[in-house]
Amino acid sequence: MKLKPLKGNIFAQLQVGERVTAGGIILRDDNGKMEGIRPRWGKVWQVADDIDYLKPGQWILVEHGRWTMAITIKDDNGNDFKFSKIDPNGILCVQDEAPEDTQIGDSFDSTPSSVHRAEDFGAR
């Protein structure tokens, strides 16, 4: 199925659901709840023609709740594909490579690369 976002729209696949950190800590799914809210990483799927600061395949960090509920479609191979519409004003940062860990802030493991600091991200 061919979809094209209209003016000002960004479609991305967000990382949602329960997660387990490298140290074994379970982070519950916080969708639709007021506690434990956090930004989410997502992979850009498609962008409207008027958006020049993002391209498909890049990773974005989105403020909590600045996306729609996931929409499920069937791709050309008949597989289910989920994506959300992202609020362009809720994008905190963008990077070309996938994040090594989706944990934001201090990490409880001993791997320094799993901690994301403000200086790790370039301005958009």
Protein backbone atom coordinates (compact mmCIF):
# COMPACT_ATOMS: atom_id res chain seq x y z
CA MET A 1 0.00 0.00 0.00
CA LYS A 2 1.38 3.39 -0.96
CA LEU A 3 0.78 6.16 1.57
CA LYS A 4 2.04 9.71 1.27
CA PRO A 5 1.92 12.11 4.23
CA LEU A 6 0.14 15.38 3.64
CA LYS A 7 1.72 18.79 4.37
CA GLY A 8 3.42 19.00 7.77
CA ASN A 9 3.06 15.30 8.66
CA ILE A 10 5.70 12.85 9.88
CA PHE A 11 5.09 9.09 10.12
CA ALA A 12 7.35 6.96 12.32
CA GLN A 13 7.53 3.60 14.06
CA LEU A 14 7.81 4.25 17.80
CA GLN A 15 9.34 1.94 20.38
CA VAL A 16 6.45 1.19 22.72
CA GLY A 17 5.56 -1.46 25.26
CA GLU A 18 7.33 -2.93 28.24
CA ARG A 19 11.15 -2.83 28.17
CA VAL A 20 13.92 -4.50 30.14
CA THR A 21 17.17 -2.61 30.70
CA ALA A 22 20.60 -4.23 30.35
CA GLY A 23 20.65 -4.50 34.16
CA GLY A 24 17.36 -6.43 34.20
CA ILE A 25 15.09 -3.62 35.40
CA ILE A 26 11.58 -3.87 33.93
CA LEU A 27 10.15 -0.58 32.67
CA ARG A 28 6.39 -0.94 32.37
CA ASP A 29 4.48 0.34 29.38
CA ASP A 30 3.32 3.86 30.22
CA ASN A 31 1.10 4.54 27.21
CA GLY A 32 -2.12 6.22 28.36
CA LYS A 33 -0.88 6.64 31.95
CA MET A 34 0.24 9.68 33.92
CA GLU A 35 3.10 8.00 35.81
CA GLY A 36 6.49 7.02 34.48
CA ILE A 37 6.19 9.04 31.30
CA ARG A 38 9.30 9.37 29.15
CA PRO A 39 10.33 10.38 25.62
CA ARG A 40 10.36 7.64 22.98
CA TRP A 41 12.72 6.81 20.15
CA GLY A 42 11.17 6.23 16.77
CA LYS A 43 12.37 5.48 13.27
CA VAL A 44 11.11 7.90 10.62
CA TRP A 45 9.11 6.05 7.97
CA GLN A 46 7.85 8.87 5.75
CA VAL A 47 7.80 12.68 5.80
CA ALA A 48 5.76 15.23 3.89
CA ASP A 49 7.41 17.05 0.99
CA ASP A 50 7.52 20.34 2.95
CA ILE A 51 9.63 18.90 5.79
CA ASP A 52 13.31 19.38 5.00
CA TYR A 53 14.95 18.59 8.35
CA LEU A 54 14.08 14.86 8.45
CA LYS A 55 14.37 11.96 6.05
CA PRO A 56 13.12 8.37 6.17
CA GLY A 57 15.39 6.04 8.12
CA GLN A 58 16.55 8.61 10.68
CA TRP A 59 15.87 8.14 14.41
CA ILE A 60 13.99 10.79 16.41
CA LEU A 61 13.45 11.29 20.13
CA VAL A 62 9.87 12.44 20.69
CA GLU A 63 8.38 14.07 23.80
CA HIS A 64 5.93 11.83 25.65
CA GLY A 65 2.45 11.91 24.15
CA ARG A 66 3.38 13.91 21.03
CA TRP A 67 2.22 11.12 18.71
CA THR A 68 -1.05 9.49 17.67
CA MET A 69 -2.18 5.98 18.47
CA ALA A 70 -0.49 3.48 16.16
CA ILE A 71 -2.16 2.80 12.83
CA THR A 72 -1.82 -0.72 11.45
CA ILE A 73 -1.73 -1.36 7.71
CA LYS A 74 -0.73 -4.33 5.58
CA ASP A 75 2.46 -3.80 3.61
CA ASP A 76 2.99 -5.05 0.05
CA ASN A 77 3.97 -8.50 1.41
CA GLY A 78 0.80 -8.84 3.53
CA ASN A 79 2.60 -8.22 6.84
CA ASP A 80 1.18 -5.92 9.51
CA PHE A 81 3.04 -2.61 9.76
CA LYS A 82 2.41 -0.10 12.59
CA PHE A 83 3.21 3.61 12.51
CA SER A 84 2.20 6.80 14.30
CA LYS A 85 1.84 10.41 13.22
CA ILE A 86 4.41 12.53 15.06
CA ASP A 87 3.88 16.14 16.18
CA PRO A 88 6.78 18.04 14.55
CA ASN A 89 6.96 20.37 17.57
CA GLY A 90 7.51 17.39 19.88
CA ILE A 91 10.76 16.19 18.28
CA LEU A 92 13.63 16.68 20.72
CA CYS A 93 16.51 15.50 18.53
CA VAL A 94 17.38 13.49 15.43
CA GLN A 95 20.24 11.13 14.56
CA ASP A 96 21.11 8.93 11.61
CA GLU A 97 22.08 5.78 13.49
CA ALA A 98 19.88 3.66 15.76
CA PRO A 99 20.28 4.40 19.46
CA GLU A 100 22.41 1.81 21.25
CA ASP A 101 19.95 1.75 24.13
CA THR A 102 16.59 3.42 24.51
CA GLN A 103 17.26 4.28 28.16
CA ILE A 104 17.25 8.06 28.58
CA GLY A 105 19.38 9.60 31.32
CA ASP A 106 21.54 7.72 33.81
CA SER A 107 22.14 4.05 33.19
CA PHE A 108 22.47 1.31 35.77
CA ASP A 109 24.83 -0.85 33.72
CA SER A 110 28.56 -0.35 33.35
CA THR A 111 28.51 0.52 29.65
CA PRO A 112 29.07 4.28 29.22
CA SER A 113 27.66 4.19 25.67
CA SER A 114 24.16 3.48 26.98
CA VAL A 115 23.89 6.92 28.62
CA HIS A 116 22.56 9.74 26.46
CA ARG A 117 23.69 13.25 27.30
CA ALA A 118 22.57 16.52 25.73
CA GLU A 119 25.99 17.03 24.13
CA ASP A 120 25.65 13.68 22.29
CA PHE A 121 22.98 15.16 20.02
CA GLY A 122 23.53 17.75 17.33
CA ALA A 123 21.21 20.66 16.68
CA ARG A 124 18.67 20.14 13.95
